[in-house]
Amino acid sequence: MKRLAHTHEADFIRRLASRLSGDGDRRLLVGIGDDTAVWKCPGRDLVLTSDAVIEGAHFLPGAEPARIGHKAVGRVLSDCAAMGAVPEALLINLIADPSHPPSWWEEVYRGANDLVTRFGAVIAGGDVSKGTPSALHVFALGTLAANPVTRAGAKAGDWLYVTGSLGGSILGRHLDFEPRIPEGRWLAEQGWATSMIDLSDGLATDLRHVLAQSGVGAILDAEAIPVSAAARSMNDGKSPLEHAITDGEDYELLFTIPGARAEAFEKAWAGEGLVTTTRIGTLTRDPDRIELREKDRTTHLMDWVGYDHLGP
């Protein structure tokens, strides 16, 4: 029998999803396999998402508690951003290691609350249990003013864009990242993006999710990929470019724009005061194939992979 440790995350999710019946419900507009679920409601449709941060996996024991809270809610806010949604309310189920005093946990919740209130959302409740390791399981509800931007709408000929810079998040940004709520909302409500995803597992992995669901391939321009200062400072045998492509927890947005609209999009984006965005490649008709184009214009198959939650 195949062990869980030898199963890829995407395959495991597909096996679990095969035991569920939600896809037959017409109220479920977007189901398993995207950044959030989307539930049809009168007025504005709802987005539903959840995520967890677990001590030892997503933060180390010495991490500052307010930064842990920031990360815990930031992950679901980033999911909302990837659909073009506005976050409204969050629930936190807390597994509290009793070795931490109540004041330590108060700081965790202060960090969480400080971030969600910046986007007009509230932490509406949750549950508390004692246990180890410490963990926060967060559920978020958001609303959509436009159609959701899923992973499945990309077309050959679209241009690939990414916000911010990539790589080296382990040096601190994995706790302090900024969810791209304004950017995701603008892309959805202005109707620019054909597909979108947040970069939680690394460009190499998350781009493959878009390609698989859209049935396309991609050519990435190595020189165009915005490598962060943190990635350039890493000294572990990997190149800065490999860090930018494979490191997880950047929480930037990867999205696609039709090639014919790209010039108008870039002009419009520049006038909105949003974070920097960079065109990093184009989509092709070769499903699931990623090529890397070097400075000398030669291309080769890119076989780097990002993070897999169930991988070794």
Protein backbone atom coordinates (compact mmCIF):
# COMPACT_ATOMS: atom_id res chain seq x y z
CA MET A 1 0.00 0.00 0.00
CA LYS A 2 1.31 3.45 -0.95
CA ARG A 3 2.21 5.52 2.12
CA LEU A 4 1.05 9.12 2.56
CA ALA A 5 4.70 10.24 2.60
CA HIS A 6 5.04 8.89 -0.95
CA THR A 7 1.94 10.69 -2.26
CA HIS A 8 1.97 14.12 -3.85
CA GLU A 9 -0.38 16.71 -2.35
CA ALA A 10 -2.38 17.19 -5.56
CA ASP A 11 -2.94 13.45 -5.94
CA PHE A 12 -4.01 13.13 -2.31
CA ILE A 13 -6.50 16.00 -2.67
CA ARG A 14 -7.98 14.38 -5.76
CA ARG A 15 -8.47 11.12 -3.87
CA LEU A 16 -10.23 12.88 -1.02
CA ALA A 17 -12.35 14.97 -3.37
CA SER A 18 -13.55 11.82 -5.13
CA ARG A 19 -15.35 10.86 -1.92
CA LEU A 20 -17.31 14.13 -1.78
CA SER A 21 -20.49 15.22 -3.56
CA GLY A 22 -20.22 19.03 -3.50
CA ASP A 23 -19.55 19.41 -7.21
CA GLY A 24 -23.12 18.38 -7.95
CA ASP A 25 -24.57 21.34 -6.04
CA ARG A 26 -25.37 24.28 -8.32
CA ARG A 27 -24.74 26.71 -5.47
CA LEU A 28 -21.06 25.68 -5.45
CA LEU A 29 -19.65 27.85 -8.24
CA VAL A 30 -15.99 26.99 -7.55
CA GLY A 31 -15.12 23.88 -5.60
CA ILE A 32 -12.02 21.96 -4.54
CA GLY A 33 -8.85 22.80 -6.43
CA ASP A 34 -8.71 26.59 -6.39
CA ASP A 35 -7.55 29.19 -3.86
CA THR A 36 -11.04 29.38 -2.34
CA ALA A 37 -14.46 27.86 -2.81
CA VAL A 38 -17.15 30.19 -4.20
CA TRP A 39 -20.74 29.84 -3.00
CA LYS A 40 -23.62 31.40 -4.94
CA CYS A 41 -25.66 33.87 -2.88
CA PRO A 42 -28.21 36.57 -3.70
CA GLY A 43 -26.47 39.92 -4.06
CA ARG A 44 -22.80 39.03 -3.73
CA ASP A 45 -21.31 35.56 -3.97
CA LEU A 46 -19.24 34.32 -1.04
CA VAL A 47 -15.70 32.94 -0.97
CA LEU A 48 -14.77 30.36 1.67
CA THR A 49 -11.26 29.30 2.56
CA SER A 50 -9.24 27.86 5.44
CA ASP A 51 -5.60 27.37 6.29
CA ALA A 52 -3.40 26.42 9.22
CA VAL A 53 -0.11 27.44 10.77
CA ILE A 54 1.52 24.73 12.87
CA GLU A 55 4.52 25.08 15.15
CA GLY A 56 7.52 23.35 13.64
CA ALA A 57 6.07 23.46 10.12
CA HIS A 58 5.06 27.09 9.56
CA PHE A 59 6.83 28.83 12.44
CA LEU A 60 9.64 27.93 14.81
CA PRO A 61 9.28 27.93 18.62
CA GLY A 62 11.21 31.20 18.97
CA ALA A 63 9.05 33.22 16.57
CA GLU A 64 7.51 36.42 17.89
CA PRO A 65 3.84 35.74 18.77
CA ALA A 66 2.43 38.79 16.96
CA ARG A 67 4.16 37.68 13.76
CA ILE A 68 2.65 34.20 14.14
CA GLY A 69 -0.81 35.75 14.34
CA HIS A 70 -0.07 37.93 11.33
CA LYS A 71 0.93 34.89 9.28
CA ALA A 72 -2.02 32.79 10.41
CA VAL A 73 -4.62 35.24 9.13
CA GLY A 74 -2.45 36.52 6.28
CA ARG A 75 -2.55 33.15 4.57
CA VAL A 76 -6.35 33.13 4.20
CA LEU A 77 -6.37 36.81 3.28
CA SER A 78 -3.94 35.97 0.48
CA ASP A 79 -6.34 33.26 -0.73
CA CYS A 80 -9.12 35.87 -0.85
CA ALA A 81 -6.84 38.20 -2.82
CA ALA A 82 -6.19 35.48 -5.40
CA MET A 83 -9.91 35.29 -6.19
CA GLY A 84 -10.42 39.06 -6.23
CA ALA A 85 -12.47 38.93 -3.03
CA VAL A 86 -12.90 41.26 -0.07
CA PRO A 87 -12.39 39.49 3.29
CA GLU A 88 -15.26 39.97 5.72
CA ALA A 89 -15.05 37.62 8.73
CA LEU A 90 -12.61 35.05 10.11
CA LEU A 91 -12.80 32.22 12.63
CA ILE A 92 -9.74 30.88 14.46
CA ASN A 93 -9.57 27.40 15.98
CA LEU A 94 -6.63 27.50 18.36
CA ILE A 95 -4.61 24.52 19.58
CA ALA A 96 -2.79 26.07 22.52
CA ASP A 97 0.41 24.58 23.91
CA PRO A 98 -0.04 25.19 27.68
CA SER A 99 3.67 26.00 28.04
CA HIS A 100 2.89 29.46 26.64
CA PRO A 101 1.26 31.86 29.13
CA PRO A 102 -2.03 33.60 28.30
CA SER A 103 -0.16 36.87 27.65
CA TRP A 104 1.81 35.15 24.86
CA TRP A 105 -1.38 34.05 23.15
CA GLU A 106 -2.84 37.53 23.55
CA GLU A 107 0.07 38.81 21.47
CA VAL A 108 -0.67 36.19 18.79
CA TYR A 109 -4.23 37.46 18.57
CA ARG A 110 -3.13 41.09 18.61
CA GLY A 111 -0.96 40.44 15.55
CA ALA A 112 -3.84 38.67 13.83
CA ASN A 113 -6.33 41.41 14.64
CA ASP A 114 -4.01 44.20 13.54
CA LEU A 115 -3.78 42.70 10.06
CA VAL A 116 -7.44 41.82 9.47
CA THR A 117 -8.72 45.21 10.63
CA ARG A 118 -6.51 46.93 8.05
CA PHE A 119 -8.66 45.30 5.37
CA GLY A 120 -11.99 45.97 7.08
CA ALA A 121 -12.48 42.39 8.24
CA VAL A 122 -13.17 41.05 11.74
CA ILE A 123 -12.24 37.96 13.73
CA ALA A 124 -15.72 36.78 14.64
CA GLY A 125 -14.92 33.83 16.90
CA GLY A 126 -13.57 30.31 16.84
CA ASP A 127 -12.62 27.61 19.31
CA VAL A 128 -9.85 26.88 21.83
CA SER A 129 -8.34 23.51 22.70
CA LYS A 130 -5.24 22.50 24.64
CA GLY A 131 -2.62 20.47 22.81
CA THR A 132 0.75 20.24 21.14
CA PRO A 133 2.15 21.36 18.85
CA SER A 134 0.62 24.82 18.88
CA ALA A 135 -1.51 25.56 15.82
CA LEU A 136 -4.01 28.08 14.50
CA HIS A 137 -6.59 26.83 12.03
CA VAL A 138 -8.17 29.84 10.34
CA PHE A 139 -11.37 30.02 8.28
CA ALA A 140 -12.25 33.10 6.23
CA LEU A 141 -15.41 34.31 4.53
CA GLY A 142 -15.22 36.98 1.84
CA THR A 143 -17.45 38.59 -0.74
CA LEU A 144 -17.14 39.17 -4.48
CA ALA A 145 -18.21 42.29 -6.33
CA ALA A 146 -17.33 40.67 -9.67
CA ASN A 147 -16.79 37.20 -11.06
CA PRO A 148 -14.04 35.27 -9.26
CA VAL A 149 -10.71 34.94 -11.01
CA THR A 150 -9.91 31.23 -10.95
CA ARG A 151 -6.90 29.19 -12.02
CA ALA A 152 -8.72 27.84 -15.06
CA GLY A 153 -9.15 30.85 -17.37
CA ALA A 154 -5.68 31.30 -18.86
CA LYS A 155 -5.24 31.05 -22.64
CA ALA A 156 -2.28 30.52 -24.94
CA GLY A 157 -0.93 33.95 -25.85
CA ASP A 158 -1.68 35.46 -22.42
CA TRP A 159 1.17 37.21 -20.65
CA LEU A 160 2.27 36.13 -17.18
CA TYR A 161 2.70 38.72 -14.43
CA VAL A 162 3.75 38.58 -10.81
CA THR A 163 3.53 41.18 -8.06
CA GLY A 164 6.45 42.14 -5.85
CA SER A 165 9.65 40.08 -5.76
CA LEU A 166 10.27 36.39 -5.15
CA GLY A 167 12.42 34.05 -3.08
CA GLY A 168 14.19 33.97 0.26
CA SER A 169 11.02 34.27 2.35
CA ILE A 170 12.53 32.04 5.06
CA LEU A 171 14.67 35.01 6.11
CA GLY A 172 11.59 36.70 7.54
CA ARG A 173 9.00 37.58 4.94
CA HIS A 174 7.16 34.29 5.51
CA LEU A 175 5.96 35.86 8.78
CA ASP A 176 5.59 39.48 7.62
CA PHE A 177 4.20 39.31 4.08
CA GLU A 178 1.54 41.69 2.81
CA PRO A 179 -1.62 40.03 1.42
CA ARG A 180 -2.31 41.59 -1.96
CA ILE A 181 -5.99 42.34 -1.34
CA PRO A 182 -6.12 45.69 -3.23
CA GLU A 183 -4.30 44.25 -6.22
CA GLY A 184 -6.43 41.11 -6.46
CA ARG A 185 -9.66 43.05 -6.05
CA TRP A 186 -8.69 45.59 -8.73
CA LEU A 187 -7.71 42.87 -11.20
CA ALA A 188 -11.06 41.12 -10.72
CA GLU A 189 -13.33 44.13 -10.60
CA GLN A 190 -11.71 45.80 -13.62
CA GLY A 191 -11.86 42.54 -15.56
CA TRP A 192 -8.18 42.38 -16.47
CA ALA A 193 -7.00 38.96 -15.29
CA THR A 194 -7.92 35.72 -17.03
CA SER A 195 -6.49 33.58 -14.21
CA MET A 196 -4.83 34.16 -10.85
CA ILE A 197 -3.22 32.32 -7.93
CA ASP A 198 -1.27 33.35 -4.85
CA LEU A 199 2.31 32.11 -4.57
CA SER A 200 2.24 30.10 -1.36
CA ASP A 201 4.14 27.03 -2.56
CA GLY A 202 6.59 28.70 -4.94
CA LEU A 203 6.34 29.89 -8.53
CA ALA A 204 7.33 26.48 -9.92
CA THR A 205 4.50 24.68 -8.13
CA ASP A 206 1.78 27.32 -8.27
CA LEU A 207 2.32 28.09 -11.95
CA ARG A 208 1.83 24.39 -12.65
CA HIS A 209 -1.57 24.56 -10.92
CA VAL A 210 -2.65 27.27 -13.36
CA LEU A 211 -1.26 25.40 -16.36
CA ALA A 212 -2.96 22.15 -15.35
CA GLN A 213 -6.37 23.74 -14.85
CA SER A 214 -6.14 25.95 -17.94
CA GLY A 215 -4.63 23.35 -20.28
CA VAL A 216 -1.69 25.51 -21.37
CA GLY A 217 2.09 25.72 -21.03
CA ALA A 218 4.48 28.59 -20.31
CA ILE A 219 7.78 30.16 -21.26
CA LEU A 220 9.43 32.04 -18.39
CA ASP A 221 11.99 34.77 -19.06
CA ALA A 222 14.82 34.14 -16.60
CA GLU A 223 16.05 37.74 -16.80
CA ALA A 224 12.60 39.16 -16.05
CA ILE A 225 11.79 37.23 -12.88
CA PRO A 226 11.98 39.70 -9.96
CA VAL A 227 14.48 38.11 -7.56
CA SER A 228 14.26 39.50 -4.03
CA ALA A 229 17.21 40.87 -2.07
CA ALA A 230 16.68 38.03 0.41
CA ALA A 231 17.02 35.41 -2.35
CA ARG A 232 20.23 37.07 -3.54
CA SER A 233 21.67 36.89 -0.01
CA MET A 234 21.09 33.16 0.43
CA ASN A 235 24.28 31.10 0.46
CA ASP A 236 23.19 27.48 0.31
CA GLY A 237 24.28 26.28 -3.11
CA LYS A 238 21.15 27.38 -4.95
CA SER A 239 21.22 30.32 -7.33
CA PRO A 240 19.10 33.40 -6.57
CA LEU A 241 16.95 32.53 -9.61
CA GLU A 242 16.30 29.02 -8.31
CA HIS A 243 15.26 30.48 -4.96
CA ALA A 244 12.90 32.89 -6.71
CA ILE A 245 11.29 30.08 -8.69
CA THR A 246 11.14 27.35 -6.04
CA ASP A 247 10.91 29.00 -2.60
CA GLY A 248 7.47 29.02 -1.03
CA GLU A 249 5.58 31.55 1.07
CA ASP A 250 6.09 34.65 -1.06
CA TYR A 251 2.31 35.28 -1.02
CA GLU A 252 2.55 37.41 -4.14
CA LEU A 253 -0.02 37.16 -6.94
CA LEU A 254 0.65 35.35 -10.22
CA PHE A 255 -1.86 36.28 -12.90
CA THR A 256 -2.41 36.30 -16.66
CA ILE A 257 -3.47 39.10 -19.01
CA PRO A 258 -4.46 38.70 -22.68
CA GLY A 259 -1.52 39.73 -24.85
CA ALA A 260 -3.66 42.17 -26.84
CA ARG A 261 -4.57 44.04 -23.65
CA ALA A 262 -1.17 43.97 -21.97
CA GLU A 263 -0.05 47.48 -22.93
CA ALA A 264 -3.33 49.01 -21.75
CA PHE A 265 -3.19 46.92 -18.57
CA GLU A 266 0.32 48.09 -17.68
CA LYS A 267 -0.65 51.72 -18.20
CA ALA A 268 -3.77 51.32 -16.05
CA TRP A 269 -1.87 49.49 -13.28
CA ALA A 270 0.77 52.21 -13.13
CA GLY A 271 -1.93 54.79 -12.40
CA GLU A 272 -3.44 52.92 -9.44
CA GLY A 273 -0.61 53.21 -6.89
CA LEU A 274 -0.45 49.43 -6.47
CA VAL A 275 2.61 47.30 -5.71
CA THR A 276 5.10 46.74 -8.53
CA THR A 277 4.18 44.08 -11.07
CA THR A 278 6.48 42.40 -13.61
CA ARG A 279 5.81 40.50 -16.83
CA ILE A 280 7.73 37.24 -16.51
CA GLY A 281 6.63 35.19 -19.50
CA THR A 282 3.95 34.04 -21.90
CA LEU A 283 1.58 31.09 -22.16
CA THR A 284 1.87 28.49 -24.90
CA ARG A 285 -0.25 25.72 -26.41
CA ASP A 286 1.90 22.95 -24.89
CA PRO A 287 -0.08 21.76 -21.85
CA ASP A 288 1.84 21.52 -18.54
CA ARG A 289 5.19 22.32 -20.19
CA ILE A 290 7.36 25.06 -18.65
CA GLU A 291 10.37 26.34 -20.54
CA LEU A 292 12.95 28.77 -19.19
CA ARG A 293 14.32 31.32 -21.67
CA GLU A 294 17.83 32.48 -20.84
CA LYS A 295 19.45 35.83 -21.53
CA ASP A 296 20.86 34.57 -24.85
CA ARG A 297 17.27 33.63 -25.89
CA THR A 298 17.90 29.88 -25.76
CA THR A 299 15.21 27.86 -24.00
CA HIS A 300 15.21 24.63 -22.06
CA LEU A 301 12.71 22.59 -20.10
CA MET A 302 12.39 23.80 -16.51
CA ASP A 303 12.20 20.88 -14.08
CA TRP A 304 12.54 22.77 -10.79
CA VAL A 305 9.69 22.20 -8.37
CA GLY A 306 8.40 24.17 -5.42
CA TYR A 307 6.95 23.03 -2.12
CA ASP A 308 4.75 19.95 -1.74
CA HIS A 309 2.99 19.69 1.63
CA LEU A 310 3.12 15.89 1.56
CA GLY A 311 6.45 15.51 -0.20
CA PRO A 312 9.63 14.20 1.44
